[in-house]
Amino acid sequence: MSVSQSAYDQVVRLLSRREHSAKELNRKLKLRGWDESAIDSALSRLEKEGLLNHERFVEAYIRARRGVGYGPRRIALELEERGVEENLIQQALCQKITAEEWKKDLEQVWRKKFRARKPQDVREYAQQARFLSYRGFEPESIAHFLKKKE
């Protein structure tokens, strides 16, 4: 068995658990001691075979992060850190998920965290806005949402 075949096998095992970006797989193989040529060979083979698919990774990642209450800004930042191209991120976040869906997500996260308790003063308003911003929701959406709750 060749060295690149072994790197390929390791990547296939990683992908069998969950989708990964090429950057994540590259990093993981480097940590396991593989050289650049073996990594490049394995990754290009996976792309040719359709096992490494950037669009599928982005969709799975967005679905998982939305499921735990993160908004579009935070998800976009995390995808950038994982080496995903910005145009692919924007396409997935804006075209596949409507603004109404993000508003529903924002309200759901707010209800879970604050038990639908309206901000009673400026301090509470700021606290809730900071939390929602940290979760990655757009400042305009947060302001509009919290103003409705006052």
C-alpha atoms as a PDB file:
ATOM      1  CA  MET A   1       0.000   0.000   0.000  1.00  0.00           C
ATOM      2  CA  SER A   2       1.402   3.392  -0.954  1.00  0.00           C
ATOM      3  CA  VAL A   3       1.808   6.317   1.419  1.00  0.00           C
ATOM      4  CA  SER A   4      -0.831   8.374  -0.389  1.00  0.00           C
ATOM      5  CA  GLN A   5      -3.246   5.433  -0.166  1.00  0.00           C
ATOM      6  CA  SER A   6      -2.849   5.410   3.608  1.00  0.00           C
ATOM      7  CA  ALA A   7      -3.436   9.162   3.816  1.00  0.00           C
ATOM      8  CA  TYR A   8      -6.468   8.651   1.594  1.00  0.00           C
ATOM      9  CA  ASP A   9      -7.775   5.918   3.913  1.00  0.00           C
ATOM     10  CA  GLN A  10      -7.393   8.170   6.940  1.00  0.00           C
ATOM     11  CA  VAL A  11      -9.278  10.978   5.231  1.00  0.00           C
ATOM     12  CA  VAL A  12     -12.073   8.616   4.221  1.00  0.00           C
ATOM     13  CA  ARG A  13     -12.388   7.529   7.857  1.00  0.00           C
ATOM     14  CA  LEU A  14     -12.584  11.168   8.952  1.00  0.00           C
ATOM     15  CA  LEU A  15     -15.237  11.920   6.339  1.00  0.00           C
ATOM     16  CA  SER A  16     -17.258   8.888   7.388  1.00  0.00           C
ATOM     17  CA  ARG A  17     -17.863  10.571  10.756  1.00  0.00           C
ATOM     18  CA  ARG A  18     -18.846  14.014   9.453  1.00  0.00           C
ATOM     19  CA  GLU A  19     -18.259  16.417   6.564  1.00  0.00           C
ATOM     20  CA  HIS A  20     -14.967  18.342   6.679  1.00  0.00           C
ATOM     21  CA  SER A  21     -13.474  21.198   4.700  1.00  0.00           C
ATOM     22  CA  ALA A  22     -10.270  20.628   2.756  1.00  0.00           C
ATOM     23  CA  LYS A  23      -8.448  22.937   5.183  1.00  0.00           C
ATOM     24  CA  GLU A  24      -9.596  20.888   8.186  1.00  0.00           C
ATOM     25  CA  LEU A  25      -8.523  17.636   6.556  1.00  0.00           C
ATOM     26  CA  ASN A  26      -5.182  19.117   5.569  1.00  0.00           C
ATOM     27  CA  ARG A  27      -4.550  20.230   9.150  1.00  0.00           C
ATOM     28  CA  LYS A  28      -5.573  16.874  10.608  1.00  0.00           C
ATOM     29  CA  LEU A  29      -3.319  14.938   8.246  1.00  0.00           C
ATOM     30  CA  LYS A  30      -0.382  17.251   9.007  1.00  0.00           C
ATOM     31  CA  LEU A  31      -0.908  16.595  12.711  1.00  0.00           C
ATOM     32  CA  ARG A  32      -0.717  12.880  11.960  1.00  0.00           C
ATOM     33  CA  GLY A  33       2.636  13.382  10.242  1.00  0.00           C
ATOM     34  CA  TRP A  34       1.714  13.196   6.549  1.00  0.00           C
ATOM     35  CA  ASP A  35       3.754  15.207   4.061  1.00  0.00           C
ATOM     36  CA  GLU A  36       2.248  17.779   1.690  1.00  0.00           C
ATOM     37  CA  SER A  37       2.408  15.592  -1.423  1.00  0.00           C
ATOM     38  CA  ALA A  38       0.528  12.704   0.229  1.00  0.00           C
ATOM     39  CA  ILE A  39      -2.076  15.120   1.582  1.00  0.00           C
ATOM     40  CA  ASP A  40      -2.562  16.858  -1.783  1.00  0.00           C
ATOM     41  CA  SER A  41      -2.841  13.523  -3.556  1.00  0.00           C
ATOM     42  CA  ALA A  42      -5.429  12.203  -1.111  1.00  0.00           C
ATOM     43  CA  LEU A  43      -7.515  15.387  -1.172  1.00  0.00           C
ATOM     44  CA  SER A  44      -7.525  15.685  -4.960  1.00  0.00           C
ATOM     45  CA  ARG A  45      -8.565  12.039  -5.252  1.00  0.00           C
ATOM     46  CA  LEU A  46     -11.423  12.631  -2.825  1.00  0.00           C
ATOM     47  CA  GLU A  47     -12.614  15.658  -4.794  1.00  0.00           C
ATOM     48  CA  LYS A  48     -12.547  13.686  -8.056  1.00  0.00           C
ATOM     49  CA  GLU A  49     -14.570  10.900  -6.432  1.00  0.00           C
ATOM     50  CA  GLY A  50     -17.070  13.370  -4.974  1.00  0.00           C
ATOM     51  CA  LEU A  51     -16.334  12.403  -1.379  1.00  0.00           C
ATOM     52  CA  LEU A  52     -14.946  15.850  -0.559  1.00  0.00           C
ATOM     53  CA  ASN A  53     -17.627  18.339  -1.513  1.00  0.00           C
ATOM     54  CA  HIS A  54     -17.451  21.946  -0.341  1.00  0.00           C
ATOM     55  CA  GLU A  55     -21.126  22.715  -0.901  1.00  0.00           C
ATOM     56  CA  ARG A  56     -22.191  19.658   1.076  1.00  0.00           C
ATOM     57  CA  PHE A  57     -19.803  20.610   3.896  1.00  0.00           C
ATOM     58  CA  VAL A  58     -21.185  24.166   4.037  1.00  0.00           C
ATOM     59  CA  GLU A  59     -24.798  22.985   4.114  1.00  0.00           C
ATOM     60  CA  ALA A  60     -24.112  20.434   6.851  1.00  0.00           C
ATOM     61  CA  TYR A  61     -22.147  22.962   8.884  1.00  0.00           C
ATOM     62  CA  ILE A  62     -24.836  25.620   8.634  1.00  0.00           C
ATOM     63  CA  ARG A  63     -27.547  23.138   9.582  1.00  0.00           C
ATOM     64  CA  ALA A  64     -25.568  22.000  12.640  1.00  0.00           C
ATOM     65  CA  ARG A  65     -24.689  25.501  13.847  1.00  0.00           C
ATOM     66  CA  ARG A  66     -28.209  26.843  13.306  1.00  0.00           C
ATOM     67  CA  GLY A  67     -29.453  23.886  15.312  1.00  0.00           C
ATOM     68  CA  VAL A  68     -27.525  25.046  18.372  1.00  0.00           C
ATOM     69  CA  GLY A  69     -28.594  28.679  18.001  1.00  0.00           C
ATOM     70  CA  TYR A  70     -25.956  30.514  15.998  1.00  0.00           C
ATOM     71  CA  GLY A  71     -26.715  33.289  13.533  1.00  0.00           C
ATOM     72  CA  PRO A  72     -25.388  34.088  10.073  1.00  0.00           C
ATOM     73  CA  ARG A  73     -22.467  36.314  11.089  1.00  0.00           C
ATOM     74  CA  ARG A  74     -21.006  33.772  13.501  1.00  0.00           C
ATOM     75  CA  ILE A  75     -21.497  30.894  11.069  1.00  0.00           C
ATOM     76  CA  ALA A  76     -19.855  32.865   8.243  1.00  0.00           C
ATOM     77  CA  LEU A  77     -16.848  33.637  10.436  1.00  0.00           C
ATOM     78  CA  GLU A  78     -16.467  29.999  11.460  1.00  0.00           C
ATOM     79  CA  LEU A  79     -16.707  28.845   7.837  1.00  0.00           C
ATOM     80  CA  GLU A  80     -14.029  31.372   6.816  1.00  0.00           C
ATOM     81  CA  GLU A  81     -11.779  29.946   9.540  1.00  0.00           C
ATOM     82  CA  ARG A  82     -12.304  26.521   7.983  1.00  0.00           C
ATOM     83  CA  GLY A  83     -11.112  27.721   4.592  1.00  0.00           C
ATOM     84  CA  VAL A  84     -14.421  28.046   2.773  1.00  0.00           C
ATOM     85  CA  GLU A  85     -14.569  30.664  -0.005  1.00  0.00           C
ATOM     86  CA  GLU A  86     -16.608  33.741   0.819  1.00  0.00           C
ATOM     87  CA  ASN A  87     -18.838  33.524  -2.257  1.00  0.00           C
ATOM     88  CA  LEU A  88     -19.859  29.977  -1.288  1.00  0.00           C
ATOM     89  CA  ILE A  89     -20.597  31.125   2.268  1.00  0.00           C
ATOM     90  CA  GLN A  90     -22.730  34.051   1.124  1.00  0.00           C
ATOM     91  CA  GLN A  91     -24.583  31.918  -1.384  1.00  0.00           C
ATOM     92  CA  ALA A  92     -25.455  29.334   1.252  1.00  0.00           C
ATOM     93  CA  LEU A  93     -26.379  31.841   3.970  1.00  0.00           C
ATOM     94  CA  CYS A  94     -28.383  34.279   1.854  1.00  0.00           C
ATOM     95  CA  GLN A  95     -29.908  32.252  -0.944  1.00  0.00           C
ATOM     96  CA  LYS A  96     -30.805  29.053   0.879  1.00  0.00           C
ATOM     97  CA  ILE A  97     -32.000  30.585   4.145  1.00  0.00           C
ATOM     98  CA  THR A  98     -34.481  33.438   4.055  1.00  0.00           C
ATOM     99  CA  ALA A  99     -34.390  36.523   6.229  1.00  0.00           C
ATOM    100  CA  GLU A 100     -37.622  35.310   7.838  1.00  0.00           C
ATOM    101  CA  GLU A 101     -35.960  32.052   8.863  1.00  0.00           C
ATOM    102  CA  TRP A 102     -33.093  33.970  10.484  1.00  0.00           C
ATOM    103  CA  LYS A 103     -35.640  36.135  12.350  1.00  0.00           C
ATOM    104  CA  LYS A 104     -37.346  32.999  13.654  1.00  0.00           C
ATOM    105  CA  ASP A 105     -33.968  31.618  14.732  1.00  0.00           C
ATOM    106  CA  LEU A 106     -33.184  34.877  16.542  1.00  0.00           C
ATOM    107  CA  GLU A 107     -36.506  34.792  18.388  1.00  0.00           C
ATOM    108  CA  GLN A 108     -36.059  31.135  19.311  1.00  0.00           C
ATOM    109  CA  VAL A 109     -32.576  31.771  20.736  1.00  0.00           C
ATOM    110  CA  TRP A 110     -33.876  34.818  22.624  1.00  0.00           C
ATOM    111  CA  ARG A 111     -36.823  32.873  24.086  1.00  0.00           C
ATOM    112  CA  LYS A 112     -34.589  30.022  25.200  1.00  0.00           C
ATOM    113  CA  LYS A 113     -32.009  32.275  26.855  1.00  0.00           C
ATOM    114  CA  PHE A 114     -34.244  34.962  28.345  1.00  0.00           C
ATOM    115  CA  ARG A 115     -37.496  32.980  28.726  1.00  0.00           C
ATOM    116  CA  ALA A 116     -39.296  35.619  26.650  1.00  0.00           C
ATOM    117  CA  ARG A 117     -38.565  38.248  29.319  1.00  0.00           C
ATOM    118  CA  LYS A 118     -38.726  41.646  27.685  1.00  0.00           C
ATOM    119  CA  PRO A 119     -35.856  44.020  28.467  1.00  0.00           C
ATOM    120  CA  GLN A 120     -37.035  46.191  31.380  1.00  0.00           C
ATOM    121  CA  ASP A 121     -34.339  48.860  31.141  1.00  0.00           C
ATOM    122  CA  VAL A 122     -31.290  49.925  29.148  1.00  0.00           C
ATOM    123  CA  ARG A 123     -29.017  47.499  31.016  1.00  0.00           C
ATOM    124  CA  GLU A 124     -31.193  44.481  30.174  1.00  0.00           C
ATOM    125  CA  TYR A 125     -31.605  45.675  26.602  1.00  0.00           C
ATOM    126  CA  ALA A 126     -27.812  45.896  26.242  1.00  0.00           C
ATOM    127  CA  GLN A 127     -27.339  42.487  27.867  1.00  0.00           C
ATOM    128  CA  GLN A 128     -29.787  40.811  25.505  1.00  0.00           C
ATOM    129  CA  ALA A 129     -28.381  42.627  22.464  1.00  0.00           C
ATOM    130  CA  ARG A 130     -24.814  41.600  23.395  1.00  0.00           C
ATOM    131  CA  PHE A 131     -25.809  37.978  23.791  1.00  0.00           C
ATOM    132  CA  LEU A 132     -27.629  37.877  20.445  1.00  0.00           C
ATOM    133  CA  SER A 133     -24.730  39.654  18.768  1.00  0.00           C
ATOM    134  CA  TYR A 134     -22.262  37.142  20.238  1.00  0.00           C
ATOM    135  CA  ARG A 135     -24.435  34.379  18.815  1.00  0.00           C
ATOM    136  CA  GLY A 136     -23.941  35.931  15.384  1.00  0.00           C
ATOM    137  CA  PHE A 137     -27.164  37.688  14.546  1.00  0.00           C
ATOM    138  CA  GLU A 138     -27.152  40.921  12.558  1.00  0.00           C
ATOM    139  CA  PRO A 139     -27.196  44.137  14.658  1.00  0.00           C
ATOM    140  CA  GLU A 140     -30.098  45.561  12.631  1.00  0.00           C
ATOM    141  CA  SER A 141     -32.167  42.412  13.194  1.00  0.00           C
ATOM    142  CA  ILE A 142     -31.400  42.455  16.920  1.00  0.00           C
ATOM    143  CA  ALA A 143     -32.342  46.122  17.300  1.00  0.00           C
ATOM    144  CA  HIS A 144     -35.559  45.664  15.327  1.00  0.00           C
ATOM    145  CA  PHE A 145     -36.490  42.548  17.294  1.00  0.00           C
ATOM    146  CA  LEU A 146     -35.796  44.023  20.754  1.00  0.00           C
ATOM    147  CA  LYS A 147     -37.595  47.282  19.907  1.00  0.00           C
ATOM    148  CA  LYS A 148     -40.718  45.224  19.139  1.00  0.00           C
ATOM    149  CA  LYS A 149     -40.425  43.621  22.579  1.00  0.00           C
ATOM    150  CA  GLU A 150     -40.294  46.903  24.497  1.00  0.00           C
END
